[in-house]
Amino acid sequence: MNFFCIGDEDTVLGFRLAGVEGRVAETITESREALKVATSMSDVGIIIITERVAQQIRTDVDKYVYGTDFPLIIEIPDRAGPLPERKPIPELVKQAVGVKI
């Protein structure tokens, strides 16, 4: 099982240095194409996508998050930091399992 990263140039470069394949996506078209490529690769089990890229193609991302078991899609902040409307991870964990970390 491999990882695949979709995001801005800095994020993708950072993951490439760690051995993770990826694609830079700056436009909606590039974002959709990158997601299509990543989901069509049978050896990709986890897709790491920056929050800003995911926001551009929210409908497409949600289709995979809520409609399929595989691959897993994980949204991460990019170099500019988390989106203001996104809840921090500890808050999401507390909401999901009722335990504060």
N, C-alpha and C. Protein backbone atom coordinates (compact mmCIF):
# COMPACT_ATOMS: atom_id res chain seq x y z
N MET A 1 0.85 -1.17 0.00
CA MET A 1 0.00 0.00 0.00
C MET A 1 0.89 1.23 0.00
N ASN A 2 0.63 2.14 -0.92
CA ASN A 2 1.41 3.36 -1.05
C ASN A 2 0.58 4.59 -0.71
N PHE A 3 1.29 5.67 -0.47
CA PHE A 3 0.70 6.97 -0.24
C PHE A 3 0.78 7.79 -1.53
N PHE A 4 -0.10 8.79 -1.64
CA PHE A 4 -0.07 9.72 -2.76
C PHE A 4 -0.46 11.07 -2.20
N CYS A 5 0.29 12.11 -2.56
CA CYS A 5 0.05 13.45 -2.03
C CYS A 5 -0.45 14.38 -3.14
N ILE A 6 -1.46 15.17 -2.81
CA ILE A 6 -1.98 16.18 -3.73
C ILE A 6 -1.99 17.50 -2.96
N GLY A 7 -1.34 18.51 -3.54
CA GLY A 7 -1.32 19.79 -2.84
C GLY A 7 -0.49 20.83 -3.55
N ASP A 8 -0.09 21.84 -2.78
CA ASP A 8 0.76 22.90 -3.32
C ASP A 8 2.18 22.36 -3.53
N GLU A 9 2.99 23.14 -4.21
CA GLU A 9 4.33 22.69 -4.58
C GLU A 9 5.18 22.33 -3.37
N ASP A 10 5.14 23.12 -2.32
CA ASP A 10 5.95 22.86 -1.13
C ASP A 10 5.54 21.56 -0.43
N THR A 11 4.25 21.35 -0.29
CA THR A 11 3.76 20.14 0.37
C THR A 11 4.14 18.90 -0.42
N VAL A 12 3.91 18.92 -1.72
CA VAL A 12 4.23 17.77 -2.56
C VAL A 12 5.74 17.50 -2.54
N LEU A 13 6.55 18.56 -2.62
CA LEU A 13 7.99 18.39 -2.57
C LEU A 13 8.42 17.76 -1.25
N GLY A 14 7.87 18.23 -0.15
CA GLY A 14 8.19 17.66 1.16
C GLY A 14 7.88 16.17 1.24
N PHE A 15 6.73 15.78 0.72
CA PHE A 15 6.37 14.36 0.74
C PHE A 15 7.24 13.56 -0.24
N ARG A 16 7.62 14.16 -1.35
CA ARG A 16 8.52 13.47 -2.28
C ARG A 16 9.86 13.17 -1.63
N LEU A 17 10.34 14.10 -0.82
CA LEU A 17 11.60 13.87 -0.10
C LEU A 17 11.49 12.69 0.86
N ALA A 18 10.28 12.38 1.28
CA ALA A 18 10.04 11.24 2.15
C ALA A 18 9.67 9.98 1.35
N GLY A 19 9.74 10.08 0.02
CA GLY A 19 9.47 8.91 -0.82
C GLY A 19 8.03 8.73 -1.22
N VAL A 20 7.20 9.77 -1.05
CA VAL A 20 5.79 9.68 -1.39
C VAL A 20 5.56 10.36 -2.74
N GLU A 21 4.94 9.63 -3.65
CA GLU A 21 4.61 10.19 -4.96
C GLU A 21 3.50 11.22 -4.80
N GLY A 22 3.44 12.19 -5.70
CA GLY A 22 2.39 13.18 -5.60
C GLY A 22 2.28 14.05 -6.82
N ARG A 23 1.27 14.91 -6.79
CA ARG A 23 1.03 15.86 -7.87
C ARG A 23 0.69 17.22 -7.31
N VAL A 24 1.28 18.23 -7.93
CA VAL A 24 0.98 19.61 -7.58
C VAL A 24 -0.34 19.98 -8.26
N ALA A 25 -1.24 20.60 -7.49
CA ALA A 25 -2.54 21.01 -8.02
C ALA A 25 -2.82 22.43 -7.58
N GLU A 26 -2.86 23.34 -8.56
CA GLU A 26 -3.12 24.74 -8.25
C GLU A 26 -4.49 25.20 -8.72
N THR A 27 -5.04 24.52 -9.70
CA THR A 27 -6.36 24.89 -10.22
C THR A 27 -7.36 23.79 -9.93
N ILE A 28 -8.63 24.08 -10.13
CA ILE A 28 -9.67 23.08 -9.93
C ILE A 28 -9.46 21.91 -10.90
N THR A 29 -9.13 22.23 -12.13
CA THR A 29 -8.90 21.18 -13.13
C THR A 29 -7.74 20.28 -12.73
N GLU A 30 -6.63 20.88 -12.29
CA GLU A 30 -5.47 20.09 -11.86
C GLU A 30 -5.81 19.26 -10.62
N SER A 31 -6.61 19.82 -9.73
CA SER A 31 -7.00 19.10 -8.51
C SER A 31 -7.85 17.89 -8.84
N ARG A 32 -8.83 18.08 -9.71
CA ARG A 32 -9.68 16.96 -10.11
C ARG A 32 -8.88 15.87 -10.83
N GLU A 33 -7.99 16.29 -11.71
CA GLU A 33 -7.17 15.32 -12.45
C GLU A 33 -6.26 14.55 -11.50
N ALA A 34 -5.65 15.24 -10.54
CA ALA A 34 -4.77 14.58 -9.58
C ALA A 34 -5.55 13.57 -8.74
N LEU A 35 -6.75 13.92 -8.30
CA LEU A 35 -7.57 12.99 -7.52
C LEU A 35 -7.97 11.80 -8.37
N LYS A 36 -8.31 12.05 -9.61
CA LYS A 36 -8.68 10.96 -10.53
C LYS A 36 -7.51 10.00 -10.72
N VAL A 37 -6.31 10.54 -10.91
CA VAL A 37 -5.12 9.70 -11.07
C VAL A 37 -4.87 8.89 -9.81
N ALA A 38 -4.91 9.56 -8.67
CA ALA A 38 -4.63 8.88 -7.40
C ALA A 38 -5.62 7.76 -7.10
N THR A 39 -6.90 8.00 -7.35
CA THR A 39 -7.91 6.98 -7.05
C THR A 39 -7.89 5.84 -8.07
N SER A 40 -7.28 6.05 -9.21
CA SER A 40 -7.22 4.99 -10.21
C SER A 40 -6.00 4.08 -10.03
N MET A 41 -5.07 4.48 -9.17
CA MET A 41 -3.87 3.68 -8.93
C MET A 41 -4.19 2.60 -7.91
N SER A 42 -4.11 1.34 -8.33
CA SER A 42 -4.51 0.24 -7.45
C SER A 42 -3.60 0.06 -6.24
N ASP A 43 -2.38 0.57 -6.30
CA ASP A 43 -1.46 0.40 -5.17
C ASP A 43 -1.51 1.54 -4.16
N VAL A 44 -2.32 2.56 -4.42
CA VAL A 44 -2.45 3.70 -3.50
C VAL A 44 -3.55 3.40 -2.49
N GLY A 45 -3.17 3.40 -1.21
CA GLY A 45 -4.13 3.13 -0.15
C GLY A 45 -4.52 4.36 0.64
N ILE A 46 -3.62 5.36 0.64
CA ILE A 46 -3.89 6.59 1.39
C ILE A 46 -3.54 7.79 0.51
N ILE A 47 -4.52 8.66 0.34
CA ILE A 47 -4.31 9.90 -0.40
C ILE A 47 -4.24 11.04 0.61
N ILE A 48 -3.14 11.77 0.59
CA ILE A 48 -2.96 12.93 1.46
C ILE A 48 -3.22 14.15 0.59
N ILE A 49 -4.20 14.96 0.98
CA ILE A 49 -4.57 16.13 0.18
C ILE A 49 -4.62 17.35 1.10
N THR A 50 -4.11 18.46 0.63
CA THR A 50 -4.15 19.65 1.47
C THR A 50 -5.59 20.17 1.56
N GLU A 51 -5.89 20.82 2.67
CA GLU A 51 -7.25 21.32 2.90
C GLU A 51 -7.70 22.28 1.81
N ARG A 52 -6.81 23.15 1.37
CA ARG A 52 -7.18 24.14 0.36
C ARG A 52 -7.49 23.48 -0.99
N VAL A 53 -6.73 22.48 -1.35
CA VAL A 53 -7.02 21.76 -2.60
C VAL A 53 -8.34 21.01 -2.45
N ALA A 54 -8.53 20.37 -1.31
CA ALA A 54 -9.77 19.63 -1.08
C ALA A 54 -10.99 20.55 -1.13
N GLN A 55 -10.85 21.77 -0.62
CA GLN A 55 -11.96 22.73 -0.66
C GLN A 55 -12.34 23.08 -2.09
N GLN A 56 -11.35 23.13 -2.99
CA GLN A 56 -11.63 23.45 -4.39
C GLN A 56 -12.52 22.40 -5.04
N ILE A 57 -12.36 21.16 -4.62
CA ILE A 57 -13.10 20.05 -5.24
C ILE A 57 -13.86 19.26 -4.17
N ARG A 58 -14.48 19.97 -3.25
CA ARG A 58 -15.14 19.35 -2.09
C ARG A 58 -16.10 18.24 -2.49
N THR A 59 -16.90 18.44 -3.53
CA THR A 59 -17.87 17.42 -3.95
C THR A 59 -17.16 16.13 -4.35
N ASP A 60 -16.07 16.26 -5.10
CA ASP A 60 -15.33 15.08 -5.54
C ASP A 60 -14.68 14.36 -4.36
N VAL A 61 -14.10 15.13 -3.45
CA VAL A 61 -13.45 14.52 -2.27
C VAL A 61 -14.49 13.81 -1.41
N ASP A 62 -15.60 14.47 -1.14
CA ASP A 62 -16.64 13.86 -0.31
C ASP A 62 -17.21 12.60 -0.95
N LYS A 63 -17.26 12.56 -2.25
CA LYS A 63 -17.73 11.36 -2.96
C LYS A 63 -16.89 10.14 -2.57
N TYR A 64 -15.59 10.33 -2.48
CA TYR A 64 -14.71 9.22 -2.09
C TYR A 64 -14.70 8.99 -0.59
N VAL A 65 -14.72 10.06 0.18
CA VAL A 65 -14.68 9.91 1.64
C VAL A 65 -15.92 9.17 2.14
N TYR A 66 -17.08 9.53 1.63
CA TYR A 66 -18.33 8.95 2.12
C TYR A 66 -18.87 7.82 1.25
N GLY A 67 -18.28 7.62 0.08
CA GLY A 67 -18.83 6.61 -0.82
C GLY A 67 -17.99 5.37 -1.02
N THR A 68 -16.74 5.40 -0.59
CA THR A 68 -15.88 4.24 -0.78
C THR A 68 -15.06 3.97 0.48
N ASP A 69 -14.65 2.73 0.63
CA ASP A 69 -13.80 2.37 1.76
C ASP A 69 -12.32 2.54 1.43
N PHE A 70 -12.01 2.59 0.15
CA PHE A 70 -10.62 2.57 -0.28
C PHE A 70 -10.47 3.43 -1.51
N PRO A 71 -9.54 4.28 -1.63
CA PRO A 71 -8.47 4.62 -0.69
C PRO A 71 -8.96 5.57 0.40
N LEU A 72 -8.21 5.61 1.48
CA LEU A 72 -8.47 6.55 2.56
C LEU A 72 -7.96 7.92 2.14
N ILE A 73 -8.76 8.96 2.35
CA ILE A 73 -8.35 10.32 2.02
C ILE A 73 -8.18 11.11 3.31
N ILE A 74 -7.00 11.68 3.48
CA ILE A 74 -6.67 12.45 4.67
C ILE A 74 -6.37 13.88 4.26
N GLU A 75 -7.05 14.84 4.89
CA GLU A 75 -6.81 16.25 4.60
C GLU A 75 -5.85 16.82 5.64
N ILE A 76 -4.84 17.54 5.15
CA ILE A 76 -3.86 18.16 6.03
C ILE A 76 -3.74 19.64 5.71
N PRO A 77 -3.30 20.46 6.66
CA PRO A 77 -3.04 21.87 6.35
C PRO A 77 -1.86 22.00 5.40
N ASP A 78 -1.81 23.07 4.65
CA ASP A 78 -0.66 23.32 3.79
C ASP A 78 0.27 24.30 4.50
N ARG A 79 1.22 24.87 3.77
CA ARG A 79 2.21 25.76 4.38
C ARG A 79 1.60 27.02 5.00
N ALA A 80 0.39 27.38 4.59
CA ALA A 80 -0.27 28.57 5.13
C ALA A 80 -1.01 28.27 6.44
N GLY A 81 -1.05 27.01 6.84
CA GLY A 81 -1.73 26.64 8.08
C GLY A 81 -3.14 26.14 7.82
N PRO A 82 -3.82 25.73 8.88
CA PRO A 82 -5.17 25.18 8.72
C PRO A 82 -6.18 26.24 8.30
N LEU A 83 -7.20 25.80 7.61
CA LEU A 83 -8.29 26.71 7.25
C LEU A 83 -9.04 27.12 8.51
N PRO A 84 -9.46 28.37 8.57
CA PRO A 84 -10.12 28.85 9.79
C PRO A 84 -11.39 28.08 10.16
N GLU A 85 -12.12 27.60 9.17
CA GLU A 85 -13.37 26.91 9.47
C GLU A 85 -13.19 25.44 9.85
N ARG A 86 -11.97 24.92 9.75
CA ARG A 86 -11.71 23.52 10.09
C ARG A 86 -11.47 23.38 11.59
N LYS A 87 -12.06 22.35 12.19
CA LYS A 87 -11.86 22.10 13.61
C LYS A 87 -10.48 21.46 13.81
N PRO A 88 -9.82 21.78 14.92
CA PRO A 88 -8.53 21.15 15.22
C PRO A 88 -8.72 19.65 15.49
N ILE A 89 -7.69 18.86 15.23
CA ILE A 89 -7.76 17.41 15.39
C ILE A 89 -8.19 17.00 16.80
N PRO A 90 -7.61 17.58 17.88
CA PRO A 90 -8.08 17.17 19.22
C PRO A 90 -9.58 17.37 19.42
N GLU A 91 -10.12 18.44 18.85
CA GLU A 91 -11.56 18.68 18.99
C GLU A 91 -12.37 17.63 18.22
N LEU A 92 -11.88 17.24 17.04
CA LEU A 92 -12.56 16.19 16.27
C LEU A 92 -12.55 14.86 17.02
N VAL A 93 -11.43 14.54 17.65
CA VAL A 93 -11.32 13.30 18.42
C VAL A 93 -12.30 13.33 19.59
N LYS A 94 -12.33 14.46 20.30
CA LYS A 94 -13.25 14.59 21.45
C LYS A 94 -14.69 14.43 21.00
N GLN A 95 -15.02 15.03 19.87
CA GLN A 95 -16.38 14.95 19.33
C GLN A 95 -16.72 13.51 18.92
N ALA A 96 -15.74 12.81 18.34
CA ALA A 96 -15.99 11.46 17.83
C ALA A 96 -16.07 10.41 18.94
N VAL A 97 -15.15 10.49 19.92
CA VAL A 97 -15.08 9.45 20.93
C VAL A 97 -15.38 9.93 22.35
N GLY A 98 -15.52 11.24 22.52
CA GLY A 98 -15.85 11.78 23.83
C GLY A 98 -14.70 11.87 24.81
N VAL A 99 -13.47 11.79 24.29
CA VAL A 99 -12.29 11.85 25.14
C VAL A 99 -11.42 13.02 24.70
N LYS A 100 -11.02 13.83 25.67
CA LYS A 100 -10.15 14.95 25.37
C LYS A 100 -8.70 14.47 25.35
N ILE A 101 -7.97 14.82 24.29
CA ILE A 101 -6.55 14.43 24.24
C ILE A 101 -5.66 15.62 24.40
